[in-house]
Amino acid sequence: MPPPFFSNEAPLQVHSRSASSSTCCGLSPDIVVIKLRTTVVIPDYNLYYTTPIDSFEPPYHALADGSLIATPFIVDLRNANLVLVLLSAAAAFFAINTLWAITFLRRGNIKNKTLLYALLTSQAVGIPAMVSLVATYFDQFANCTTISIFVKTCTGVSHSLLVRMPLCGIYFRITIV
C-alpha cells in the first residue's frame, strides 16, 4: 500500500504576528500563521474512515507545535499507549514474582526446592521477554522478527517450566512412595 501522497498546489505563505504590538524593543514575532493548501491521497479509505466518501470532511487536529494529525492517528496512538501500559504491567508482574521466588528460596525451610527453582526460572525468563516488547515502542529500527522469535522462545520456556514441573513432581511422588 503506497503512503499518502502530498502535493502543494500553491506556494507556502507564512505571515508572522507579534504577540505584543510593541516593536520598539526588538521583540521577535512569536505567532506564525501559515496558509496551507495541499492534496492528500488516501490509498485505502475504508480502512480508516466509516463515513461515505461523498460526504467526507477530513478532521485534522492542530497541535501546539503546528503539527496536523488525523483522527485515525489519535485512535491508533491511544491503542498503542494502552498496549504499552499493559506490557509494562506484565514486566512489573514478572519482576515481582521473581523477587518473591528468590525470597521463598532464601527463607523457606523446604527440602525439595525444585518447584521454587522452576518458578524462579519461569518468571525470570519472562522479564527480558516483556522488556524487549516494551523496547520496540522506543526503537523504530528494532528487528521485529528477531524480537518475536525471542519472545516466543521465552514464553515457551516459561510455560513448559510452569506446566511440566508440577506434574513431574506429582509423578515422582507417586512412583517413589
N, C-alpha and C. Protein backbone atom coordinates (compact mmCIF):
# COMPACT_ATOMS: atom_id res chain seq x y z
N MET A 1 0.85 -1.16 0.00
CA MET A 1 0.00 0.00 0.00
C MET A 1 0.90 1.24 0.00
N PRO A 2 0.72 2.12 -0.97
CA PRO A 2 1.56 3.32 -1.01
C PRO A 2 1.17 4.30 0.09
N PRO A 3 2.11 5.10 0.56
CA PRO A 3 1.80 6.08 1.59
C PRO A 3 0.95 7.20 1.03
N PRO A 4 0.27 7.98 1.88
CA PRO A 4 -0.50 9.12 1.39
C PRO A 4 0.40 10.06 0.58
N PHE A 5 -0.17 10.63 -0.46
CA PHE A 5 0.58 11.48 -1.37
C PHE A 5 0.24 12.94 -1.09
N PHE A 6 1.26 13.78 -0.96
CA PHE A 6 1.07 15.20 -0.70
C PHE A 6 1.55 15.98 -1.92
N SER A 7 0.77 16.96 -2.34
CA SER A 7 1.22 17.82 -3.43
C SER A 7 0.80 19.24 -3.13
N ASN A 8 1.70 20.17 -3.24
CA ASN A 8 1.40 21.58 -2.99
C ASN A 8 0.91 22.22 -4.28
N GLU A 9 -0.29 22.80 -4.22
CA GLU A 9 -0.83 23.47 -5.39
C GLU A 9 -0.49 24.95 -5.40
N ALA A 10 -0.23 25.51 -4.25
CA ALA A 10 0.09 26.93 -4.15
C ALA A 10 1.35 27.08 -3.32
N PRO A 11 2.13 28.13 -3.56
CA PRO A 11 3.32 28.32 -2.74
C PRO A 11 2.93 28.57 -1.28
N LEU A 12 3.79 28.14 -0.39
CA LEU A 12 3.56 28.29 1.04
C LEU A 12 3.66 29.76 1.42
N GLN A 13 2.65 30.25 2.12
CA GLN A 13 2.65 31.65 2.55
C GLN A 13 2.75 31.68 4.07
N VAL A 14 3.76 32.38 4.56
CA VAL A 14 3.98 32.48 6.00
C VAL A 14 3.84 33.93 6.41
N HIS A 15 2.99 34.17 7.41
CA HIS A 15 2.79 35.50 7.95
C HIS A 15 3.09 35.44 9.44
N SER A 16 3.86 36.37 9.93
CA SER A 16 4.17 36.37 11.36
C SER A 16 3.48 37.53 12.03
N ARG A 17 3.06 37.29 13.25
CA ARG A 17 2.44 38.32 14.07
C ARG A 17 3.15 38.34 15.41
N SER A 18 3.30 39.49 15.95
CA SER A 18 3.90 39.60 17.28
C SER A 18 2.79 39.58 18.30
N ALA A 19 3.02 38.89 19.40
CA ALA A 19 2.01 38.81 20.45
C ALA A 19 1.79 40.18 21.08
N SER A 20 2.82 40.98 21.13
CA SER A 20 2.66 42.34 21.66
C SER A 20 2.76 43.32 20.50
N SER A 21 2.06 44.40 20.59
CA SER A 21 2.05 45.37 19.49
C SER A 21 3.29 46.24 19.49
N SER A 22 4.11 46.13 20.50
CA SER A 22 5.31 46.96 20.60
C SER A 22 6.44 46.36 19.78
N THR A 23 7.01 47.15 18.86
CA THR A 23 8.15 46.70 18.07
C THR A 23 9.40 47.49 18.41
N CYS A 24 9.30 48.37 19.40
CA CYS A 24 10.44 49.21 19.73
C CYS A 24 11.55 48.45 20.44
N CYS A 25 11.21 47.40 21.12
CA CYS A 25 12.19 46.71 21.95
C CYS A 25 12.89 45.58 21.21
N GLY A 26 12.64 45.42 19.95
CA GLY A 26 13.30 44.36 19.18
C GLY A 26 12.75 42.98 19.48
N LEU A 27 11.47 42.88 19.82
CA LEU A 27 10.87 41.58 20.08
C LEU A 27 10.67 40.84 18.76
N SER A 28 11.01 39.59 18.74
CA SER A 28 10.78 38.80 17.54
C SER A 28 9.35 38.26 17.57
N PRO A 29 8.76 38.04 16.42
CA PRO A 29 7.38 37.53 16.40
C PRO A 29 7.33 36.12 16.99
N ASP A 30 6.24 35.83 17.70
CA ASP A 30 6.12 34.51 18.30
C ASP A 30 4.87 33.77 17.84
N ILE A 31 4.14 34.31 16.90
CA ILE A 31 2.98 33.63 16.33
C ILE A 31 3.19 33.58 14.82
N VAL A 32 3.02 32.41 14.24
CA VAL A 32 3.18 32.24 12.80
C VAL A 32 1.87 31.70 12.24
N VAL A 33 1.37 32.33 11.19
CA VAL A 33 0.17 31.88 10.51
C VAL A 33 0.59 31.38 9.14
N ILE A 34 0.27 30.14 8.85
CA ILE A 34 0.66 29.53 7.58
C ILE A 34 -0.61 29.19 6.81
N LYS A 35 -0.73 29.72 5.61
CA LYS A 35 -1.83 29.34 4.73
C LYS A 35 -1.40 28.07 4.02
N LEU A 36 -2.10 27.01 4.26
CA LEU A 36 -1.70 25.71 3.76
C LEU A 36 -2.78 25.18 2.83
N ARG A 37 -2.39 24.82 1.63
CA ARG A 37 -3.31 24.22 0.67
C ARG A 37 -2.57 23.04 0.05
N THR A 38 -3.14 21.87 0.20
CA THR A 38 -2.45 20.68 -0.29
C THR A 38 -3.46 19.63 -0.74
N THR A 39 -2.99 18.63 -1.40
CA THR A 39 -3.81 17.49 -1.82
C THR A 39 -3.26 16.24 -1.15
N VAL A 40 -4.14 15.50 -0.51
CA VAL A 40 -3.74 14.26 0.16
C VAL A 40 -4.53 13.11 -0.47
N VAL A 41 -3.83 12.07 -0.89
CA VAL A 41 -4.47 10.88 -1.45
C VAL A 41 -4.43 9.79 -0.39
N ILE A 42 -5.59 9.27 0.00
CA ILE A 42 -5.69 8.19 0.98
C ILE A 42 -5.89 6.89 0.20
N PRO A 43 -4.89 5.99 0.18
CA PRO A 43 -4.96 4.79 -0.66
C PRO A 43 -6.09 3.83 -0.30
N ASP A 44 -6.35 3.60 0.98
CA ASP A 44 -7.39 2.65 1.40
C ASP A 44 -8.34 3.36 2.35
N TYR A 45 -9.26 4.11 1.79
CA TYR A 45 -10.14 4.98 2.57
C TYR A 45 -10.95 4.20 3.60
N ASN A 46 -11.54 3.08 3.20
CA ASN A 46 -12.43 2.33 4.10
C ASN A 46 -11.71 1.71 5.29
N LEU A 47 -10.40 1.60 5.23
CA LEU A 47 -9.64 1.07 6.36
C LEU A 47 -9.62 2.06 7.52
N TYR A 48 -9.67 3.35 7.21
CA TYR A 48 -9.50 4.37 8.24
C TYR A 48 -10.78 5.13 8.58
N TYR A 49 -11.72 5.22 7.65
CA TYR A 49 -12.91 6.03 7.87
C TYR A 49 -14.17 5.22 7.57
N THR A 50 -15.26 5.55 8.28
CA THR A 50 -16.53 4.85 8.09
C THR A 50 -17.56 5.70 7.36
N THR A 51 -17.35 7.00 7.24
CA THR A 51 -18.30 7.87 6.57
C THR A 51 -18.22 7.66 5.06
N PRO A 52 -19.32 7.93 4.34
CA PRO A 52 -19.27 7.80 2.88
C PRO A 52 -18.26 8.77 2.27
N ILE A 53 -17.63 8.37 1.19
CA ILE A 53 -16.60 9.20 0.56
C ILE A 53 -17.18 10.52 0.07
N ASP A 54 -18.44 10.51 -0.41
CA ASP A 54 -19.05 11.74 -0.94
C ASP A 54 -19.19 12.83 0.11
N SER A 55 -19.42 12.45 1.37
CA SER A 55 -19.63 13.44 2.43
C SER A 55 -18.42 13.56 3.36
N PHE A 56 -17.26 13.14 2.89
CA PHE A 56 -16.07 13.13 3.75
C PHE A 56 -15.50 14.53 3.93
N GLU A 57 -15.32 14.92 5.15
CA GLU A 57 -14.63 16.16 5.54
C GLU A 57 -13.48 15.74 6.45
N PRO A 58 -12.25 15.90 6.01
CA PRO A 58 -11.13 15.40 6.83
C PRO A 58 -11.00 16.17 8.14
N PRO A 59 -11.12 15.46 9.26
CA PRO A 59 -10.95 16.13 10.56
C PRO A 59 -9.49 16.11 10.99
N TYR A 60 -8.83 17.22 10.85
CA TYR A 60 -7.45 17.35 11.31
C TYR A 60 -7.44 18.15 12.60
N HIS A 61 -6.57 17.75 13.50
CA HIS A 61 -6.43 18.44 14.78
C HIS A 61 -5.06 19.10 14.80
N ALA A 62 -5.05 20.39 15.13
CA ALA A 62 -3.78 21.13 15.19
C ALA A 62 -3.20 21.03 16.60
N LEU A 63 -1.95 20.65 16.68
CA LEU A 63 -1.25 20.60 17.96
C LEU A 63 -0.54 21.93 18.20
N ALA A 64 -0.04 22.10 19.41
CA ALA A 64 0.59 23.37 19.79
C ALA A 64 1.85 23.66 18.98
N ASP A 65 2.53 22.62 18.48
CA ASP A 65 3.76 22.84 17.71
C ASP A 65 3.49 23.07 16.22
N GLY A 66 2.22 23.08 15.82
CA GLY A 66 1.87 23.32 14.43
C GLY A 66 1.61 22.05 13.65
N SER A 67 1.76 20.91 14.26
CA SER A 67 1.52 19.64 13.57
C SER A 67 0.03 19.43 13.36
N LEU A 68 -0.31 18.83 12.24
CA LEU A 68 -1.68 18.44 11.96
C LEU A 68 -1.76 16.92 12.03
N ILE A 69 -2.71 16.41 12.80
CA ILE A 69 -2.88 14.96 12.89
C ILE A 69 -4.34 14.62 12.64
N ALA A 70 -4.56 13.44 12.08
CA ALA A 70 -5.90 12.99 11.76
C ALA A 70 -6.43 12.11 12.89
N THR A 71 -7.75 11.95 12.90
CA THR A 71 -8.41 11.16 13.95
C THR A 71 -7.93 9.71 13.98
N PRO A 72 -7.75 9.01 12.84
CA PRO A 72 -7.25 7.62 12.93
C PRO A 72 -5.89 7.52 13.61
N PHE A 73 -5.05 8.52 13.44
CA PHE A 73 -3.74 8.50 14.11
C PHE A 73 -3.92 8.61 15.62
N ILE A 74 -4.84 9.46 16.06
CA ILE A 74 -5.10 9.61 17.50
C ILE A 74 -5.61 8.30 18.09
N VAL A 75 -6.53 7.63 17.38
CA VAL A 75 -7.06 6.35 17.85
C VAL A 75 -5.95 5.30 17.92
N ASP A 76 -5.12 5.24 16.88
CA ASP A 76 -4.02 4.28 16.85
C ASP A 76 -3.02 4.56 17.97
N LEU A 77 -2.75 5.82 18.23
CA LEU A 77 -1.81 6.19 19.29
C LEU A 77 -2.35 5.81 20.67
N ARG A 78 -3.65 6.01 20.88
CA ARG A 78 -4.26 5.61 22.17
C ARG A 78 -4.18 4.11 22.36
N ASN A 79 -4.46 3.34 21.31
CA ASN A 79 -4.37 1.88 21.41
C ASN A 79 -2.94 1.43 21.69
N ALA A 80 -1.98 2.06 21.03
CA ALA A 80 -0.57 1.71 21.26
C ALA A 80 -0.16 2.05 22.69
N ASN A 81 -0.63 3.17 23.21
CA ASN A 81 -0.31 3.54 24.59
C ASN A 81 -0.92 2.56 25.58
N LEU A 82 -2.13 2.08 25.30
CA LEU A 82 -2.76 1.09 26.17
C LEU A 82 -1.96 -0.21 26.18
N VAL A 83 -1.53 -0.66 25.02
CA VAL A 83 -0.72 -1.88 24.94
C VAL A 83 0.60 -1.69 25.67
N LEU A 84 1.20 -0.51 25.55
CA LEU A 84 2.46 -0.22 26.24
C LEU A 84 2.27 -0.29 27.76
N VAL A 85 1.17 0.23 28.26
CA VAL A 85 0.89 0.17 29.70
C VAL A 85 0.70 -1.29 30.14
N LEU A 86 -0.02 -2.07 29.35
CA LEU A 86 -0.24 -3.48 29.71
C LEU A 86 1.05 -4.29 29.68
N LEU A 87 1.90 -4.04 28.68
CA LEU A 87 3.20 -4.74 28.63
C LEU A 87 4.09 -4.34 29.81
N SER A 88 4.05 -3.07 30.17
CA SER A 88 4.84 -2.62 31.33
C SER A 88 4.32 -3.26 32.61
N ALA A 89 3.01 -3.38 32.73
CA ALA A 89 2.43 -4.04 33.91
C ALA A 89 2.83 -5.51 33.95
N ALA A 90 2.85 -6.18 32.79
CA ALA A 90 3.28 -7.58 32.76
C ALA A 90 4.75 -7.72 33.14
N ALA A 91 5.59 -6.79 32.69
CA ALA A 91 7.01 -6.83 33.07
C ALA A 91 7.16 -6.63 34.57
N ALA A 92 6.38 -5.71 35.14
CA ALA A 92 6.43 -5.50 36.59
C ALA A 92 5.93 -6.74 37.33
N PHE A 93 4.90 -7.39 36.81
CA PHE A 93 4.38 -8.61 37.42
C PHE A 93 5.44 -9.71 37.45
N PHE A 94 6.15 -9.89 36.32
CA PHE A 94 7.22 -10.89 36.28
C PHE A 94 8.34 -10.53 37.26
N ALA A 95 8.67 -9.25 37.36
CA ALA A 95 9.74 -8.83 38.28
C ALA A 95 9.34 -9.10 39.73
N ILE A 96 8.10 -8.79 40.09
CA ILE A 96 7.63 -9.02 41.46
C ILE A 96 7.62 -10.52 41.77
N ASN A 97 7.13 -11.33 40.83
CA ASN A 97 7.11 -12.78 41.06
C ASN A 97 8.52 -13.35 41.18
N THR A 98 9.46 -12.81 40.42
CA THR A 98 10.86 -13.25 40.53
C THR A 98 11.41 -12.93 41.92
N LEU A 99 11.14 -11.73 42.40
CA LEU A 99 11.61 -11.36 43.75
C LEU A 99 10.98 -12.23 44.82
N TRP A 100 9.68 -12.55 44.68
CA TRP A 100 9.04 -13.43 45.66
C TRP A 100 9.65 -14.84 45.62
N ALA A 101 9.93 -15.33 44.43
CA ALA A 101 10.54 -16.66 44.33
C ALA A 101 11.92 -16.68 44.98
N ILE A 102 12.70 -15.62 44.78
CA ILE A 102 14.01 -15.53 45.43
C ILE A 102 13.86 -15.49 46.94
N THR A 103 12.87 -14.74 47.42
CA THR A 103 12.62 -14.65 48.87
C THR A 103 12.25 -16.02 49.44
N PHE A 104 11.36 -16.75 48.77
CA PHE A 104 10.96 -18.07 49.25
C PHE A 104 12.13 -19.05 49.23
N LEU A 105 12.98 -18.95 48.21
CA LEU A 105 14.13 -19.85 48.14
C LEU A 105 15.12 -19.58 49.26
N ARG A 106 15.31 -18.32 49.60
CA ARG A 106 16.28 -17.98 50.65
C ARG A 106 15.75 -18.29 52.04
N ARG A 107 14.49 -18.03 52.28
CA ARG A 107 13.96 -18.14 53.65
C ARG A 107 13.21 -19.43 53.93
N GLY A 108 12.79 -20.12 52.90
CA GLY A 108 11.95 -21.30 53.11
C GLY A 108 12.73 -22.50 53.59
N ASN A 109 12.14 -23.22 54.55
CA ASN A 109 12.73 -24.47 55.05
C ASN A 109 12.04 -25.64 54.34
N ILE A 110 12.37 -25.80 53.09
CA ILE A 110 11.78 -26.85 52.29
C ILE A 110 12.91 -27.73 51.78
N LYS A 111 12.73 -29.06 51.90
CA LYS A 111 13.79 -29.97 51.47
C LYS A 111 13.95 -29.96 49.95
N ASN A 112 12.86 -30.11 49.23
CA ASN A 112 12.92 -30.16 47.77
C ASN A 112 12.45 -28.81 47.21
N LYS A 113 13.39 -28.03 46.76
CA LYS A 113 13.08 -26.69 46.26
C LYS A 113 12.99 -26.64 44.74
N THR A 114 12.83 -27.80 44.12
CA THR A 114 12.80 -27.86 42.66
C THR A 114 11.67 -27.03 42.08
N LEU A 115 10.52 -27.11 42.70
CA LEU A 115 9.36 -26.36 42.21
C LEU A 115 9.61 -24.85 42.32
N LEU A 116 10.25 -24.42 43.41
CA LEU A 116 10.55 -22.99 43.56
C LEU A 116 11.60 -22.53 42.55
N TYR A 117 12.57 -23.40 42.25
CA TYR A 117 13.56 -23.05 41.22
C TYR A 117 12.89 -22.96 39.84
N ALA A 118 11.93 -23.84 39.60
CA ALA A 118 11.19 -23.78 38.33
C ALA A 118 10.38 -22.48 38.25
N LEU A 119 9.76 -22.10 39.36
CA LEU A 119 9.01 -20.83 39.39
C LEU A 119 9.95 -19.65 39.16
N LEU A 120 11.09 -19.66 39.83
CA LEU A 120 12.06 -18.57 39.66
C LEU A 120 12.53 -18.48 38.21
N THR A 121 12.87 -19.60 37.62
CA THR A 121 13.36 -19.58 36.23
C THR A 121 12.27 -19.12 35.27
N SER A 122 11.05 -19.62 35.45
CA SER A 122 9.97 -19.25 34.53
C SER A 122 9.65 -17.76 34.62
N GLN A 123 9.70 -17.20 35.81
CA GLN A 123 9.41 -15.77 35.96
C GLN A 123 10.59 -14.91 35.51
N ALA A 124 11.80 -15.38 35.76
CA ALA A 124 12.98 -14.62 35.34
C ALA A 124 13.10 -14.59 33.82
N VAL A 125 12.63 -15.63 33.14
CA VAL A 125 12.65 -15.65 31.67
C VAL A 125 11.62 -14.67 31.11
N GLY A 126 10.56 -14.42 31.85
CA GLY A 126 9.52 -13.50 31.38
C GLY A 126 9.94 -12.05 31.37
N ILE A 127 10.86 -11.68 32.26
CA ILE A 127 11.28 -10.27 32.35
C ILE A 127 11.93 -9.79 31.05
N PRO A 128 12.98 -10.47 30.53
CA PRO A 128 13.57 -9.96 29.28
C PRO A 128 12.61 -10.01 28.09
N ALA A 129 11.67 -10.96 28.10
CA ALA A 129 10.69 -11.02 27.01
C ALA A 129 9.82 -9.77 27.02
N MET A 130 9.31 -9.40 28.19
CA MET A 130 8.46 -8.21 28.27
C MET A 130 9.25 -6.93 28.02
N VAL A 131 10.47 -6.87 28.51
CA VAL A 131 11.29 -5.68 28.30
C VAL A 131 11.61 -5.51 26.82
N SER A 132 11.86 -6.61 26.11
CA SER A 132 12.14 -6.50 24.68
C SER A 132 10.90 -6.03 23.91
N LEU A 133 9.71 -6.45 24.33
CA LEU A 133 8.50 -5.95 23.69
C LEU A 133 8.29 -4.47 23.96
N VAL A 134 8.55 -4.03 25.18
CA VAL A 134 8.42 -2.61 25.51
C VAL A 134 9.45 -1.80 24.73
N ALA A 135 10.64 -2.35 24.55
CA ALA A 135 11.70 -1.62 23.85
C ALA A 135 11.34 -1.34 22.40
N THR A 136 10.51 -2.19 21.79
CA THR A 136 10.13 -1.95 20.40
C THR A 136 9.32 -0.68 20.23
N TYR A 137 8.70 -0.21 21.29
CA TYR A 137 7.95 1.05 21.21
C TYR A 137 8.87 2.26 21.15
N PHE A 138 10.11 2.10 21.55
CA PHE A 138 11.04 3.23 21.60
C PHE A 138 12.14 3.15 20.55
N ASP A 139 12.28 2.01 19.87
CA ASP A 139 13.31 1.85 18.84
C ASP A 139 12.63 1.46 17.54
N GLN A 140 12.54 2.41 16.61
CA GLN A 140 11.84 2.14 15.36
C GLN A 140 12.62 1.22 14.42
N PHE A 141 13.89 1.01 14.68
CA PHE A 141 14.71 0.16 13.82
C PHE A 141 14.88 -1.24 14.40
N ALA A 142 14.13 -1.59 15.43
CA ALA A 142 14.24 -2.92 16.03
C ALA A 142 13.75 -3.97 15.04
N ASN A 143 14.42 -5.10 15.02
CA ASN A 143 14.05 -6.19 14.12
C ASN A 143 12.90 -6.97 14.76
N CYS A 144 11.71 -6.79 14.23
CA CYS A 144 10.52 -7.40 14.83
C CYS A 144 10.54 -8.93 14.74
N THR A 145 11.14 -9.47 13.69
CA THR A 145 11.22 -10.92 13.55
C THR A 145 12.08 -11.52 14.66
N THR A 146 13.23 -10.92 14.91
CA THR A 146 14.12 -11.42 15.96
C THR A 146 13.45 -11.31 17.33
N ILE A 147 12.82 -10.18 17.59
CA ILE A 147 12.16 -9.98 18.89
C ILE A 147 11.00 -10.95 19.04
N SER A 148 10.25 -11.18 17.97
CA SER A 148 9.14 -12.12 18.03
C SER A 148 9.62 -13.54 18.33
N ILE A 149 10.70 -13.96 17.69
CA ILE A 149 11.26 -15.29 17.96
C ILE A 149 11.74 -15.38 19.40
N PHE A 150 12.41 -14.33 19.88
CA PHE A 150 12.91 -14.31 21.26
C PHE A 150 11.75 -14.40 22.26
N VAL A 151 10.70 -13.62 22.03
CA VAL A 151 9.55 -13.61 22.95
C VAL A 151 8.84 -14.96 22.93
N LYS A 152 8.67 -15.54 21.75
CA LYS A 152 8.01 -16.85 21.67
C LYS A 152 8.84 -17.93 22.35
N THR A 153 10.15 -17.85 22.22
CA THR A 153 11.03 -18.81 22.89
C THR A 153 10.93 -18.67 24.40
N CYS A 154 11.00 -17.43 24.88
CA CYS A 154 10.88 -17.19 26.33
C CYS A 154 9.53 -17.65 26.85
N THR A 155 8.47 -17.38 26.10
CA THR A 155 7.13 -17.80 26.51
C THR A 155 7.04 -19.32 26.57
N GLY A 156 7.59 -19.99 25.57
CA GLY A 156 7.58 -21.46 25.57
C GLY A 156 8.34 -22.04 26.74
N VAL A 157 9.51 -21.49 27.03
CA VAL A 157 10.30 -21.97 28.17
C VAL A 157 9.54 -21.73 29.47
N SER A 158 8.98 -20.55 29.62
CA SER A 158 8.26 -20.21 30.85
C SER A 158 7.05 -21.13 31.05
N HIS A 159 6.27 -21.34 29.99
CA HIS A 159 5.10 -22.20 30.11
C HIS A 159 5.48 -23.65 30.37
N SER A 160 6.51 -24.13 29.69
CA SER A 160 6.90 -25.52 29.89
C SER A 160 7.40 -25.76 31.31
N LEU A 161 8.09 -24.79 31.88
CA LEU A 161 8.55 -24.94 33.26
C LEU A 161 7.39 -24.93 34.24
N LEU A 162 6.43 -24.06 34.01
CA LEU A 162 5.31 -23.96 34.95
C LEU A 162 4.34 -25.12 34.83
N VAL A 163 4.19 -25.68 33.65
CA VAL A 163 3.21 -26.75 33.46
C VAL A 163 3.82 -28.12 33.75
N ARG A 164 5.03 -28.39 33.29
CA ARG A 164 5.60 -29.73 33.41
C ARG A 164 6.22 -30.01 34.77
N MET A 165 6.82 -29.04 35.40
CA MET A 165 7.50 -29.30 36.67
C MET A 165 6.53 -29.77 37.76
N PRO A 166 5.38 -29.10 37.96
CA PRO A 166 4.48 -29.63 38.99
C PRO A 166 3.99 -31.04 38.66
N LEU A 167 3.74 -31.32 37.39
CA LEU A 167 3.30 -32.66 37.02
C LEU A 167 4.40 -33.68 37.26
N CYS A 168 5.65 -33.31 36.97
CA CYS A 168 6.77 -34.22 37.25
C CYS A 168 6.90 -34.48 38.74
N GLY A 169 6.69 -33.46 39.54
CA GLY A 169 6.77 -33.62 40.99
C GLY A 169 5.71 -34.58 41.49
N ILE A 170 4.50 -34.47 40.98
CA ILE A 170 3.44 -35.39 41.37
C ILE A 170 3.77 -36.80 40.89
N TYR A 171 4.28 -36.93 39.68
CA TYR A 171 4.64 -38.24 39.14
C TYR A 171 5.72 -38.91 39.99
N PHE A 172 6.76 -38.15 40.37
CA PHE A 172 7.83 -38.73 41.17
C PHE A 172 7.33 -39.12 42.56
N ARG A 173 6.43 -38.35 43.14
CA ARG A 173 5.91 -38.71 44.46
C ARG A 173 5.12 -40.01 44.40
N ILE A 174 4.36 -40.17 43.34
CA ILE A 174 3.55 -41.38 43.22
C ILE A 174 4.44 -42.60 43.00
N THR A 175 5.44 -42.48 42.16
CA THR A 175 6.28 -43.65 41.86
C THR A 175 7.24 -43.98 42.99
N ILE A 176 7.71 -42.96 43.73
CA ILE A 176 8.66 -43.22 44.81
C ILE A 176 7.96 -43.81 46.02
N VAL A 177 6.78 -43.36 46.32
CA VAL A 177 6.06 -43.81 47.51
C VAL A 177 5.47 -45.14 47.29
